Amino acid sequence: MEVARIEQHSCIKIAVLRGRNEMECHNEFVEALGNNALPYCTIARWVGKFQQRRVMRNVRDDRHVPSSSSSWMQTNDRDNKQRQIENTQQVHRHANFMCNVLSFFCTVKATLPCILP
């Protein structure tokens, strides 16, 4: 089964959130996908970018953001933030699903030699 590049990208993002490093991610992909796994250098680059964004987001969240004076602006900001949250949740659900699929294929691949002669 071929797993698209964007699907692997999503799985890497979830793996970083779970605390995995580039070597662990790459090993899981190679185990599950064999030759269809992304190269180590690509995975390492994406892991680095995800880790960096995570650090940057934490720094940004700690800064004080002044509230806008207009209630329209506040409502619009809330609507935009809600849409962003919903989009992020949808992406995370998809990525989590793809990680589960990847985990399933790792399990199947590991048990196949025991089942087949």
PDB file of N, CA and C in Angstrom:
ATOM      1  N   MET A   1       0.841  -1.179   0.000  1.00  0.00           N
ATOM      2  CA  MET A   1       0.000   0.000   0.000  1.00  0.00           C
ATOM      3  C   MET A   1       0.882   1.237   0.000  1.00  0.00           C
ATOM      4  N   GLU A   2       0.534   2.176  -0.845  1.00  0.00           N
ATOM      5  CA  GLU A   2       1.299   3.412  -0.910  1.00  0.00           C
ATOM      6  C   GLU A   2       0.632   4.470  -0.043  1.00  0.00           C
ATOM      7  N   VAL A   3       1.423   5.146   0.753  1.00  0.00           N
ATOM      8  CA  VAL A   3       0.923   6.218   1.604  1.00  0.00           C
ATOM      9  C   VAL A   3       1.474   7.519   1.036  1.00  0.00           C
ATOM     10  N   ALA A   4       0.569   8.455   0.755  1.00  0.00           N
ATOM     11  CA  ALA A   4       0.958   9.722   0.139  1.00  0.00           C
ATOM     12  C   ALA A   4       1.900  10.512   1.033  1.00  0.00           C
ATOM     13  N   ARG A   5       2.669  11.352   0.408  1.00  0.00           N
ATOM     14  CA  ARG A   5       3.633  12.198   1.102  1.00  0.00           C
ATOM     15  C   ARG A   5       2.946  13.065   2.159  1.00  0.00           C
ATOM     16  N   ILE A   6       1.794  13.644   1.823  1.00  0.00           N
ATOM     17  CA  ILE A   6       1.079  14.509   2.769  1.00  0.00           C
ATOM     18  C   ILE A   6       0.580  13.702   3.966  1.00  0.00           C
ATOM     19  N   GLU A   7       0.231  12.446   3.748  1.00  0.00           N
ATOM     20  CA  GLU A   7      -0.212  11.591   4.855  1.00  0.00           C
ATOM     21  C   GLU A   7       0.954  11.280   5.789  1.00  0.00           C
ATOM     22  N   GLN A   8       2.120  11.022   5.218  1.00  0.00           N
ATOM     23  CA  GLN A   8       3.298  10.791   6.038  1.00  0.00           C
ATOM     24  C   GLN A   8       3.654  12.069   6.804  1.00  0.00           C
ATOM     25  N   HIS A   9       3.492  13.211   6.158  1.00  0.00           N
ATOM     26  CA  HIS A   9       3.744  14.506   6.775  1.00  0.00           C
ATOM     27  C   HIS A   9       2.858  14.673   8.012  1.00  0.00           C
ATOM     28  N   SER A  10       1.579  14.330   7.878  1.00  0.00           N
ATOM     29  CA  SER A  10       0.635  14.438   9.000  1.00  0.00           C
ATOM     30  C   SER A  10       1.023  13.495  10.135  1.00  0.00           C
ATOM     31  N   CYS A  11       1.441  12.289   9.786  1.00  0.00           N
ATOM     32  CA  CYS A  11       1.856  11.323  10.814  1.00  0.00           C
ATOM     33  C   CYS A  11       3.084  11.824  11.566  1.00  0.00           C
ATOM     34  N   ILE A  12       3.997  12.456  10.861  1.00  0.00           N
ATOM     35  CA  ILE A  12       5.197  12.996  11.507  1.00  0.00           C
ATOM     36  C   ILE A  12       4.800  14.094  12.494  1.00  0.00           C
ATOM     37  N   LYS A  13       3.854  14.921  12.105  1.00  0.00           N
ATOM     38  CA  LYS A  13       3.408  15.999  12.991  1.00  0.00           C
ATOM     39  C   LYS A  13       2.850  15.427  14.295  1.00  0.00           C
ATOM     40  N   ILE A  14       2.028  14.402  14.193  1.00  0.00           N
ATOM     41  CA  ILE A  14       1.462  13.766  15.386  1.00  0.00           C
ATOM     42  C   ILE A  14       2.569  13.109  16.210  1.00  0.00           C
ATOM     43  N   ALA A  15       3.508  12.447  15.537  1.00  0.00           N
ATOM     44  CA  ALA A  15       4.600  11.785  16.248  1.00  0.00           C
ATOM     45  C   ALA A  15       5.429  12.798  17.040  1.00  0.00           C
ATOM     46  N   VAL A  16       5.667  13.975  16.471  1.00  0.00           N
ATOM     47  CA  VAL A  16       6.423  15.023  17.172  1.00  0.00           C
ATOM     48  C   VAL A  16       5.637  15.482  18.399  1.00  0.00           C
ATOM     49  N   LEU A  17       4.324  15.636  18.245  1.00  0.00           N
ATOM     50  CA  LEU A  17       3.504  16.035  19.390  1.00  0.00           C
ATOM     51  C   LEU A  17       3.543  14.977  20.491  1.00  0.00           C
ATOM     52  N   ARG A  18       3.765  13.727  20.104  1.00  0.00           N
ATOM     53  CA  ARG A  18       3.868  12.642  21.081  1.00  0.00           C
ATOM     54  C   ARG A  18       5.281  12.487  21.632  1.00  0.00           C
ATOM     55  N   GLY A  19       6.216  13.321  21.159  1.00  0.00           N
ATOM     56  CA  GLY A  19       7.562  13.325  21.714  1.00  0.00           C
ATOM     57  C   GLY A  19       8.571  12.448  20.986  1.00  0.00           C
ATOM     58  N   ARG A  20       8.242  11.959  19.800  1.00  0.00           N
ATOM     59  CA  ARG A  20       9.187  11.113  19.059  1.00  0.00           C
ATOM     60  C   ARG A  20      10.207  11.976  18.321  1.00  0.00           C
ATOM     61  N   ASN A  21      11.409  11.413  18.142  1.00  0.00           N
ATOM     62  CA  ASN A  21      12.442  12.119  17.401  1.00  0.00           C
ATOM     63  C   ASN A  21      12.489  11.608  15.954  1.00  0.00           C
ATOM     64  N   GLU A  22      13.400  12.182  15.164  1.00  0.00           N
ATOM     65  CA  GLU A  22      13.449  11.836  13.734  1.00  0.00           C
ATOM     66  C   GLU A  22      13.802  10.374  13.488  1.00  0.00           C
ATOM     67  N   MET A  23      14.695   9.812  14.288  1.00  0.00           N
ATOM     68  CA  MET A  23      15.097   8.414  14.103  1.00  0.00           C
ATOM     69  C   MET A  23      13.923   7.469  14.373  1.00  0.00           C
ATOM     70  N   GLU A  24      13.187   7.743  15.451  1.00  0.00           N
ATOM     71  CA  GLU A  24      12.024   6.909  15.779  1.00  0.00           C
ATOM     72  C   GLU A  24      10.963   6.986  14.684  1.00  0.00           C
ATOM     73  N   CYS A  25      10.722   8.203  14.191  1.00  0.00           N
ATOM     74  CA  CYS A  25       9.751   8.373  13.102  1.00  0.00           C
ATOM     75  C   CYS A  25      10.186   7.604  11.868  1.00  0.00           C
ATOM     76  N   HIS A  26      11.433   7.771  11.490  1.00  0.00           N
ATOM     77  CA  HIS A  26      11.928   7.110  10.276  1.00  0.00           C
ATOM     78  C   HIS A  26      11.866   5.588  10.410  1.00  0.00           C
ATOM     79  N   ASN A  27      12.258   5.070  11.550  1.00  0.00           N
ATOM     80  CA  ASN A  27      12.208   3.618  11.757  1.00  0.00           C
ATOM     81  C   ASN A  27      10.791   3.080  11.628  1.00  0.00           C
ATOM     82  N   GLU A  28       9.808   3.796  12.184  1.00  0.00           N
ATOM     83  CA  GLU A  28       8.414   3.370  12.072  1.00  0.00           C
ATOM     84  C   GLU A  28       7.949   3.381  10.622  1.00  0.00           C
ATOM     85  N   PHE A  29       8.331   4.406   9.874  1.00  0.00           N
ATOM     86  CA  PHE A  29       7.921   4.499   8.479  1.00  0.00           C
ATOM     87  C   PHE A  29       8.550   3.388   7.644  1.00  0.00           C
ATOM     88  N   VAL A  30       9.836   3.135   7.864  1.00  0.00           N
ATOM     89  CA  VAL A  30      10.514   2.077   7.105  1.00  0.00           C
ATOM     90  C   VAL A  30       9.913   0.712   7.440  1.00  0.00           C
ATOM     91  N   GLU A  31       9.607   0.501   8.705  1.00  0.00           N
ATOM     92  CA  GLU A  31       9.009  -0.766   9.119  1.00  0.00           C
ATOM     93  C   GLU A  31       7.651  -0.966   8.450  1.00  0.00           C
ATOM     94  N   ALA A  32       6.869   0.086   8.375  1.00  0.00           N
ATOM     95  CA  ALA A  32       5.514  -0.034   7.831  1.00  0.00           C
ATOM     96  C   ALA A  32       5.481   0.053   6.309  1.00  0.00           C
ATOM     97  N   LEU A  33       6.322   0.915   5.717  1.00  0.00           N
ATOM     98  CA  LEU A  33       6.199   1.212   4.293  1.00  0.00           C
ATOM     99  C   LEU A  33       7.346   0.695   3.436  1.00  0.00           C
ATOM    100  N   GLY A  34       8.405   0.231   4.067  1.00  0.00           N
ATOM    101  CA  GLY A  34       9.543  -0.270   3.295  1.00  0.00           C
ATOM    102  C   GLY A  34      10.129   0.806   2.392  1.00  0.00           C
ATOM    103  N   ASN A  35      10.239   0.491   1.091  1.00  0.00           N
ATOM    104  CA  ASN A  35      10.832   1.423   0.132  1.00  0.00           C
ATOM    105  C   ASN A  35       9.968   2.643  -0.145  1.00  0.00           C
ATOM    106  N   ASN A  36       8.698   2.611   0.251  1.00  0.00           N
ATOM    107  CA  ASN A  36       7.813   3.749   0.020  1.00  0.00           C
ATOM    108  C   ASN A  36       7.919   4.809   1.112  1.00  0.00           C
ATOM    109  N   ALA A  37       8.730   4.558   2.145  1.00  0.00           N
ATOM    110  CA  ALA A  37       8.903   5.533   3.223  1.00  0.00           C
ATOM    111  C   ALA A  37       9.706   6.728   2.716  1.00  0.00           C
ATOM    112  N   LEU A  38       9.439   7.863   3.299  1.00  0.00           N
ATOM    113  CA  LEU A  38      10.217   9.055   2.961  1.00  0.00           C
ATOM    114  C   LEU A  38      11.670   8.859   3.391  1.00  0.00           C
ATOM    115  N   PRO A  39      12.620   9.514   2.707  1.00  0.00           N
ATOM    116  CA  PRO A  39      14.023   9.417   3.117  1.00  0.00           C
ATOM    117  C   PRO A  39      14.235  10.029   4.505  1.00  0.00           C
ATOM    118  N   TYR A  40      15.253   9.538   5.187  1.00  0.00           N
ATOM    119  CA  TYR A  40      15.552  10.014   6.543  1.00  0.00           C
ATOM    120  C   TYR A  40      15.737  11.522   6.577  1.00  0.00           C
ATOM    121  N   CYS A  41      16.446  12.088   5.594  1.00  0.00           N
ATOM    122  CA  CYS A  41      16.722  13.529   5.616  1.00  0.00           C
ATOM    123  C   CYS A  41      15.425  14.346   5.531  1.00  0.00           C
ATOM    124  N   THR A  42      14.444  13.875   4.789  1.00  0.00           N
ATOM    125  CA  THR A  42      13.157  14.569   4.689  1.00  0.00           C
ATOM    126  C   THR A  42      12.424  14.512   6.024  1.00  0.00           C
ATOM    127  N   ILE A  43      12.390  13.323   6.609  1.00  0.00           N
ATOM    128  CA  ILE A  43      11.722  13.167   7.905  1.00  0.00           C
ATOM    129  C   ILE A  43      12.413  14.022   8.963  1.00  0.00           C
ATOM    130  N   ALA A  44      13.738  14.010   8.970  1.00  0.00           N
ATOM    131  CA  ALA A  44      14.481  14.801   9.958  1.00  0.00           C
ATOM    132  C   ALA A  44      14.195  16.294   9.785  1.00  0.00           C
ATOM    133  N   ARG A  45      14.117  16.761   8.533  1.00  0.00           N
ATOM    134  CA  ARG A  45      13.830  18.174   8.282  1.00  0.00           C
ATOM    135  C   ARG A  45      12.428  18.538   8.793  1.00  0.00           C
ATOM    136  N   TRP A  46      11.443  17.689   8.491  1.00  0.00           N
ATOM    137  CA  TRP A  46      10.068  17.962   8.930  1.00  0.00           C
ATOM    138  C   TRP A  46       9.954  17.909  10.455  1.00  0.00           C
ATOM    139  N   VAL A  47      10.612  16.933  11.078  1.00  0.00           N
ATOM    140  CA  VAL A  47      10.586  16.845  12.549  1.00  0.00           C
ATOM    141  C   VAL A  47      11.168  18.130  13.138  1.00  0.00           C
ATOM    142  N   GLY A  48      12.283  18.590  12.591  1.00  0.00           N
ATOM    143  CA  GLY A  48      12.900  19.828  13.065  1.00  0.00           C
ATOM    144  C   GLY A  48      11.975  21.025  12.927  1.00  0.00           C
ATOM    145  N   LYS A  49      11.293  21.114  11.782  1.00  0.00           N
ATOM    146  CA  LYS A  49      10.380  22.240  11.574  1.00  0.00           C
ATOM    147  C   LYS A  49       9.197  22.170  12.528  1.00  0.00           C
ATOM    148  N   PHE A  50       8.641  20.983  12.740  1.00  0.00           N
ATOM    149  CA  PHE A  50       7.523  20.848  13.664  1.00  0.00           C
ATOM    150  C   PHE A  50       7.949  21.193  15.086  1.00  0.00           C
ATOM    151  N   GLN A  51       9.136  20.740  15.489  1.00  0.00           N
ATOM    152  CA  GLN A  51       9.620  21.051  16.826  1.00  0.00           C
ATOM    153  C   GLN A  51       9.852  22.553  16.979  1.00  0.00           C
ATOM    154  N   GLN A  52      10.380  23.181  15.944  1.00  0.00           N
ATOM    155  CA  GLN A  52      10.645  24.617  15.990  1.00  0.00           C
ATOM    156  C   GLN A  52       9.331  25.396  16.071  1.00  0.00           C
ATOM    157  N   ARG A  53       8.330  25.015  15.291  1.00  0.00           N
ATOM    158  CA  ARG A  53       7.035  25.693  15.340  1.00  0.00           C
ATOM    159  C   ARG A  53       6.400  25.544  16.712  1.00  0.00           C
ATOM    160  N   ARG A  54       6.582  24.371  17.302  1.00  0.00           N
ATOM    161  CA  ARG A  54       6.006  24.128  18.621  1.00  0.00           C
ATOM    162  C   ARG A  54       6.621  25.063  19.648  1.00  0.00           C
ATOM    163  N   VAL A  55       7.935  25.252  19.572  1.00  0.00           N
ATOM    164  CA  VAL A  55       8.622  26.164  20.474  1.00  0.00           C
ATOM    165  C   VAL A  55       8.186  27.600  20.197  1.00  0.00           C
ATOM    166  N   MET A  56       8.129  27.985  18.916  1.00  0.00           N
ATOM    167  CA  MET A  56       7.731  29.342  18.548  1.00  0.00           C
ATOM    168  C   MET A  56       6.297  29.625  18.990  1.00  0.00           C
ATOM    169  N   ARG A  57       5.398  28.675  18.822  1.00  0.00           N
ATOM    170  CA  ARG A  57       4.004  28.858  19.220  1.00  0.00           C
ATOM    171  C   ARG A  57       3.921  29.090  20.725  1.00  0.00           C
ATOM    172  N   ASN A  58       4.707  28.343  21.506  1.00  0.00           N
ATOM    173  CA  ASN A  58       4.694  28.525  22.961  1.00  0.00           C
ATOM    174  C   ASN A  58       5.188  29.924  23.341  1.00  0.00           C
ATOM    175  N   VAL A  59       6.202  30.410  22.664  1.00  0.00           N
ATOM    176  CA  VAL A  59       6.722  31.741  22.944  1.00  0.00           C
ATOM    177  C   VAL A  59       5.674  32.784  22.570  1.00  0.00           C
ATOM    178  N   ARG A  60       5.039  32.612  21.418  1.00  0.00           N
ATOM    179  CA  ARG A  60       4.029  33.553  20.953  1.00  0.00           C
ATOM    180  C   ARG A  60       2.825  33.578  21.892  1.00  0.00           C
ATOM    181  N   ASP A  61       2.412  32.433  22.407  1.00  0.00           N
ATOM    182  CA  ASP A  61       1.267  32.359  23.305  1.00  0.00           C
ATOM    183  C   ASP A  61       1.527  33.068  24.628  1.00  0.00           C
ATOM    184  N   ASP A  62       2.806  33.174  25.021  1.00  0.00           N
ATOM    185  CA  ASP A  62       3.146  33.797  26.292  1.00  0.00           C
ATOM    186  C   ASP A  62       3.114  35.322  26.222  1.00  0.00           C
ATOM    187  N   ARG A  63       3.185  35.871  25.019  1.00  0.00           N
ATOM    188  CA  ARG A  63       3.178  37.334  24.884  1.00  0.00           C
ATOM    189  C   ARG A  63       1.774  37.880  25.077  1.00  0.00           C
ATOM    190  N   HIS A  64       1.706  39.097  25.604  1.00  0.00           N
ATOM    191  CA  HIS A  64       0.409  39.744  25.781  1.00  0.00           C
ATOM    192  C   HIS A  64      -0.019  40.360  24.449  1.00  0.00           C
ATOM    193  N   VAL A  65      -1.238  40.036  24.020  1.00  0.00           N
ATOM    194  CA  VAL A  65      -1.789  40.619  22.802  1.00  0.00           C
ATOM    195  C   VAL A  65      -2.887  41.585  23.221  1.00  0.00           C
ATOM    196  N   PRO A  66      -2.730  42.883  22.900  1.00  0.00           N
ATOM    197  CA  PRO A  66      -3.741  43.839  23.313  1.00  0.00           C
ATOM    198  C   PRO A  66      -5.077  43.560  22.640  1.00  0.00           C
ATOM    199  N   SER A  67      -6.173  43.778  23.370  1.00  0.00           N
ATOM    200  CA  SER A  67      -7.494  43.553  22.793  1.00  0.00           C
ATOM    201  C   SER A  67      -7.854  44.711  21.882  1.00  0.00           C
ATOM    202  N   SER A  68      -8.641  44.442  20.853  1.00  0.00           N
ATOM    203  CA  SER A  68      -9.035  45.493  19.921  1.00  0.00           C
ATOM    204  C   SER A  68     -10.202  46.268  20.522  1.00  0.00           C
ATOM    205  N   SER A  69     -10.335  47.521  20.131  1.00  0.00           N
ATOM    206  CA  SER A  69     -11.353  48.378  20.715  1.00  0.00           C
ATOM    207  C   SER A  69     -12.728  48.147  20.101  1.00  0.00           C
ATOM    208  N   SER A  70     -12.768  47.632  18.910  1.00  0.00           N
ATOM    209  CA  SER A  70     -14.044  47.443  18.232  1.00  0.00           C
ATOM    210  C   SER A  70     -14.628  46.070  18.534  1.00  0.00           C
ATOM    211  N   SER A  71     -15.924  46.043  18.892  1.00  0.00           N
ATOM    212  CA  SER A  71     -16.565  44.754  19.163  1.00  0.00           C
ATOM    213  C   SER A  71     -16.662  43.922  17.890  1.00  0.00           C
ATOM    214  N   TRP A  72     -16.784  44.597  16.739  1.00  0.00           N
ATOM    215  CA  TRP A  72     -16.827  43.864  15.467  1.00  0.00           C
ATOM    216  C   TRP A  72     -15.524  43.113  15.248  1.00  0.00           C
ATOM    217  N   MET A  73     -14.419  43.784  15.527  1.00  0.00           N
ATOM    218  CA  MET A  73     -13.109  43.149  15.374  1.00  0.00           C
ATOM    219  C   MET A  73     -12.979  41.964  16.323  1.00  0.00           C
ATOM    220  N   GLN A  74     -13.461  42.116  17.553  1.00  0.00           N
ATOM    221  CA  GLN A  74     -13.373  41.025  18.516  1.00  0.00           C
ATOM    222  C   GLN A  74     -14.201  39.838  18.056  1.00  0.00           C
ATOM    223  N   THR A  75     -15.399  40.087  17.533  1.00  0.00           N
ATOM    224  CA  THR A  75     -16.254  39.007  17.034  1.00  0.00           C
ATOM    225  C   THR A  75     -15.604  38.333  15.840  1.00  0.00           C
ATOM    226  N   ASN A  76     -15.073  39.136  14.937  1.00  0.00           N
ATOM    227  CA  ASN A  76     -14.416  38.587  13.752  1.00  0.00           C
ATOM    228  C   ASN A  76     -13.208  37.750  14.154  1.00  0.00           C
ATOM    229  N   ASP A  77     -12.429  38.227  15.113  1.00  0.00           N
ATOM    230  CA  ASP A  77     -11.267  37.482  15.591  1.00  0.00           C
ATOM    231  C   ASP A  77     -11.694  36.151  16.209  1.00  0.00           C
ATOM    232  N   ARG A  78     -12.774  36.178  16.998  1.00  0.00           N
ATOM    233  CA  ARG A  78     -13.273  34.944  17.615  1.00  0.00           C
ATOM    234  C   ARG A  78     -13.727  33.952  16.550  1.00  0.00           C
ATOM    235  N   ASP A  79     -14.438  34.460  15.519  1.00  0.00           N
ATOM    236  CA  ASP A  79     -14.897  33.589  14.433  1.00  0.00           C
ATOM    237  C   ASP A  79     -13.711  32.961  13.699  1.00  0.00           C
ATOM    238  N   ASN A  80     -12.699  33.782  13.404  1.00  0.00           N
ATOM    239  CA  ASN A  80     -11.510  33.270  12.718  1.00  0.00           C
ATOM    240  C   ASN A  80     -10.784  32.244  13.580  1.00  0.00           C
ATOM    241  N   LYS A  81     -10.668  32.546  14.865  1.00  0.00           N
ATOM    242  CA  LYS A  81      -9.984  31.621  15.775  1.00  0.00           C
ATOM    243  C   LYS A  81     -10.749  30.304  15.861  1.00  0.00           C
ATOM    244  N   GLN A  82     -12.083  30.374  15.925  1.00  0.00           N
ATOM    245  CA  GLN A  82     -12.898  29.155  15.978  1.00  0.00           C
ATOM    246  C   GLN A  82     -12.717  28.337  14.708  1.00  0.00           C
ATOM    247  N   ARG A  83     -12.697  28.993  13.554  1.00  0.00           N
ATOM    248  CA  ARG A  83     -12.474  28.276  12.287  1.00  0.00           C
ATOM    249  C   ARG A  83     -11.097  27.616  12.271  1.00  0.00           C
ATOM    250  N   GLN A  84     -10.103  28.330  12.757  1.00  0.00           N
ATOM    251  CA  GLN A  84      -8.752  27.764  12.812  1.00  0.00           C
ATOM    252  C   GLN A  84      -8.718  26.550  13.727  1.00  0.00           C
ATOM    253  N   ILE A  85      -9.392  26.635  14.860  1.00  0.00           N
ATOM    254  CA  ILE A  85      -9.429  25.505  15.793  1.00  0.00           C
ATOM    255  C   ILE A  85     -10.113  24.313  15.147  1.00  0.00           C
ATOM    256  N   GLU A  86     -11.240  24.556  14.474  1.00  0.00           N
ATOM    257  CA  GLU A  86     -11.966  23.467  13.816  1.00  0.00           C
ATOM    258  C   GLU A  86     -11.125  22.835  12.711  1.00  0.00           C
ATOM    259  N   ASN A  87     -10.434  23.666  11.917  1.00  0.00           N
ATOM    260  CA  ASN A  87      -9.575  23.135  10.858  1.00  0.00           C
ATOM    261  C   ASN A  87      -8.425  22.320  11.441  1.00  0.00           C
ATOM    262  N   THR A  88      -7.828  22.828  12.512  1.00  0.00           N
ATOM    263  CA  THR A  88      -6.720  22.119  13.155  1.00  0.00           C
ATOM    264  C   THR A  88      -7.192  20.784  13.722  1.00  0.00           C
ATOM    265  N   GLN A  89      -8.374  20.778  14.337  1.00  0.00           N
ATOM    266  CA  GLN A  89      -8.912  19.538  14.888  1.00  0.00           C
ATOM    267  C   GLN A  89      -9.159  18.518  13.779  1.00  0.00           C
ATOM    268  N   GLN A  90      -9.664  18.987  12.640  1.00  0.00           N
ATOM    269  CA  GLN A  90      -9.921  18.081  11.516  1.00  0.00           C
ATOM    270  C   GLN A  90      -8.607  17.496  10.994  1.00  0.00           C
ATOM    271  N   VAL A  91      -7.589  18.330  10.864  1.00  0.00           N
ATOM    272  CA  VAL A  91      -6.280  17.845  10.398  1.00  0.00           C
ATOM    273  C   VAL A  91      -5.711  16.838  11.391  1.00  0.00           C
ATOM    274  N   HIS A  92      -5.841  17.121  12.686  1.00  0.00           N
ATOM    275  CA  HIS A  92      -5.301  16.212  13.706  1.00  0.00           C
ATOM    276  C   HIS A  92      -6.059  14.882  13.716  1.00  0.00           C
ATOM    277  N   ARG A  93      -7.385  14.939  13.507  1.00  0.00           N
ATOM    278  CA  ARG A  93      -8.147  13.680  13.438  1.00  0.00           C
ATOM    279  C   ARG A  93      -7.682  12.838  12.252  1.00  0.00           C
ATOM    280  N   HIS A  94      -7.475  13.493  11.110  1.00  0.00           N
ATOM    281  CA  HIS A  94      -7.008  12.771   9.925  1.00  0.00           C
ATOM    282  C   HIS A  94      -5.604  12.206  10.160  1.00  0.00           C
ATOM    283  N   ALA A  95      -4.732  13.026  10.724  1.00  0.00           N
ATOM    284  CA  ALA A  95      -3.363  12.568  10.979  1.00  0.00           C
ATOM    285  C   ALA A  95      -3.353  11.427  11.986  1.00  0.00           C
ATOM    286  N   ASN A  96      -4.179  11.521  13.013  1.00  0.00           N
ATOM    287  CA  ASN A  96      -4.253  10.464  14.011  1.00  0.00           C
ATOM    288  C   ASN A  96      -4.751   9.171  13.371  1.00  0.00           C
ATOM    289  N   PHE A  97      -5.742   9.305  12.498  1.00  0.00           N
ATOM    290  CA  PHE A  97      -6.250   8.134  11.782  1.00  0.00           C
ATOM    291  C   PHE A  97      -5.144   7.496  10.944  1.00  0.00           C
ATOM    292  N   MET A  98      -4.375   8.332  10.226  1.00  0.00           N
ATOM    293  CA  MET A  98      -3.306   7.802   9.378  1.00  0.00           C
ATOM    294  C   MET A  98      -2.219   7.147  10.230  1.00  0.00           C
ATOM    295  N   CYS A  99      -1.942   7.681  11.395  1.00  0.00           N
ATOM    296  CA  CYS A  99      -0.961   7.065  12.296  1.00  0.00           C
ATOM    297  C   CYS A  99      -1.465   5.707  12.774  1.00  0.00           C
ATOM    298  N   ASN A 100      -2.757   5.621  13.046  1.00  0.00           N
ATOM    299  CA  ASN A 100      -3.333   4.334  13.435  1.00  0.00           C
ATOM    300  C   ASN A 100      -3.253   3.327  12.308  1.00  0.00           C
ATOM    301  N   VAL A 101      -3.501   3.778  11.080  1.00  0.00           N
ATOM    302  CA  VAL A 101      -3.383   2.894   9.914  1.00  0.00           C
ATOM    303  C   VAL A 101      -1.946   2.418   9.775  1.00  0.00           C
ATOM    304  N   LEU A 102      -1.005   3.352   9.928  1.00  0.00           N
ATOM    305  CA  LEU A 102       0.414   3.013   9.834  1.00  0.00           C
ATOM    306  C   LEU A 102       0.792   2.008  10.916  1.00  0.00           C
ATOM    307  N   SER A 103       0.315   2.200  12.120  1.00  0.00           N
ATOM    308  CA  SER A 103       0.576   1.278  13.222  1.00  0.00           C
ATOM    309  C   SER A 103      -0.014  -0.101  12.936  1.00  0.00           C
ATOM    310  N   PHE A 104      -1.229  -0.108  12.376  1.00  0.00           N
ATOM    311  CA  PHE A 104      -1.875  -1.367  12.012  1.00  0.00           C
ATOM    312  C   PHE A 104      -1.025  -2.140  11.007  1.00  0.00           C
ATOM    313  N   PHE A 105      -0.524  -1.441   9.973  1.00  0.00           N
ATOM    314  CA  PHE A 105       0.290  -2.121   8.969  1.00  0.00           C
ATOM    315  C   PHE A 105       1.612  -2.618   9.549  1.00  0.00           C
ATOM    316  N   CYS A 106       2.162  -1.892  10.523  1.00  0.00           N
ATOM    317  CA  CYS A 106       3.372  -2.376  11.207  1.00  0.00           C
ATOM    318  C   CYS A 106       3.071  -3.685  11.928  1.00  0.00           C
ATOM    319  N   THR A 107       1.932  -3.744  12.594  1.00  0.00           N
ATOM    320  CA  THR A 107       1.537  -4.944  13.329  1.00  0.00           C
ATOM    321  C   THR A 107       1.308  -6.109  12.377  1.00  0.00           C
ATOM    322  N   VAL A 108       0.604  -5.848  11.282  1.00  0.00           N
ATOM    323  CA  VAL A 108       0.325  -6.904  10.301  1.00  0.00           C
ATOM    324  C   VAL A 108       1.624  -7.405   9.697  1.00  0.00           C
ATOM    325  N   LYS A 109       2.503  -6.487   9.347  1.00  0.00           N
ATOM    326  CA  LYS A 109       3.783  -6.878   8.747  1.00  0.00           C
ATOM    327  C   LYS A 109       4.605  -7.724   9.718  1.00  0.00           C
ATOM    328  N   ALA A 110       4.536  -7.393  11.005  1.00  0.00           N
ATOM    329  CA  ALA A 110       5.294  -8.141  12.009  1.00  0.00           C
ATOM    330  C   ALA A 110       4.721  -9.538  12.234  1.00  0.00           C
ATOM    331  N   THR A 111       3.419  -9.703  12.103  1.00  0.00           N
ATOM    332  CA  THR A 111       2.793 -11.017  12.358  1.00  0.00           C
ATOM    333  C   THR A 111       2.702 -11.890  11.134  1.00  0.00           C
ATOM    334  N   LEU A 112       2.849 -11.334   9.943  1.00  0.00           N
ATOM    335  CA  LEU A 112       2.733 -12.142   8.741  1.00  0.00           C
ATOM    336  C   LEU A 112       3.730 -13.287   8.670  1.00  0.00           C
ATOM    337  N   PRO A 113       4.995 -13.080   9.021  1.00  0.00           N
ATOM    338  CA  PRO A 113       5.925 -14.217   8.951  1.00  0.00           C
ATOM    339  C   PRO A 113       5.508 -15.381   9.867  1.00  0.00           C
ATOM    340  N   CYS A 114       4.806 -15.078  10.956  1.00  0.00           N
ATOM    341  CA  CYS A 114       4.347 -16.146  11.857  1.00  0.00           C
ATOM    342  C   CYS A 114       3.177 -16.914  11.246  1.00  0.00           C
ATOM    343  N   ILE A 115       2.369 -16.241  10.440  1.00  0.00           N
ATOM    344  CA  ILE A 115       1.170 -16.858   9.892  1.00  0.00           C
ATOM    345  C   ILE A 115       1.501 -17.649   8.624  1.00  0.00           C
ATOM    346  N   LEU A 116       2.298 -17.033   7.745  1.00  0.00           N
ATOM    347  CA  LEU A 116       2.626 -17.676   6.474  1.00  0.00           C
ATOM    348  C   LEU A 116       3.875 -18.555   6.629  1.00  0.00           C
ATOM    349  N   PRO A 117       3.873 -19.723   5.997  1.00  0.00           N
ATOM    350  CA  PRO A 117       5.064 -20.590   6.105  1.00  0.00           C
ATOM    351  C   PRO A 117       6.232 -20.052   5.325  1.00  0.00           C
TER     352      PRO A 117
END
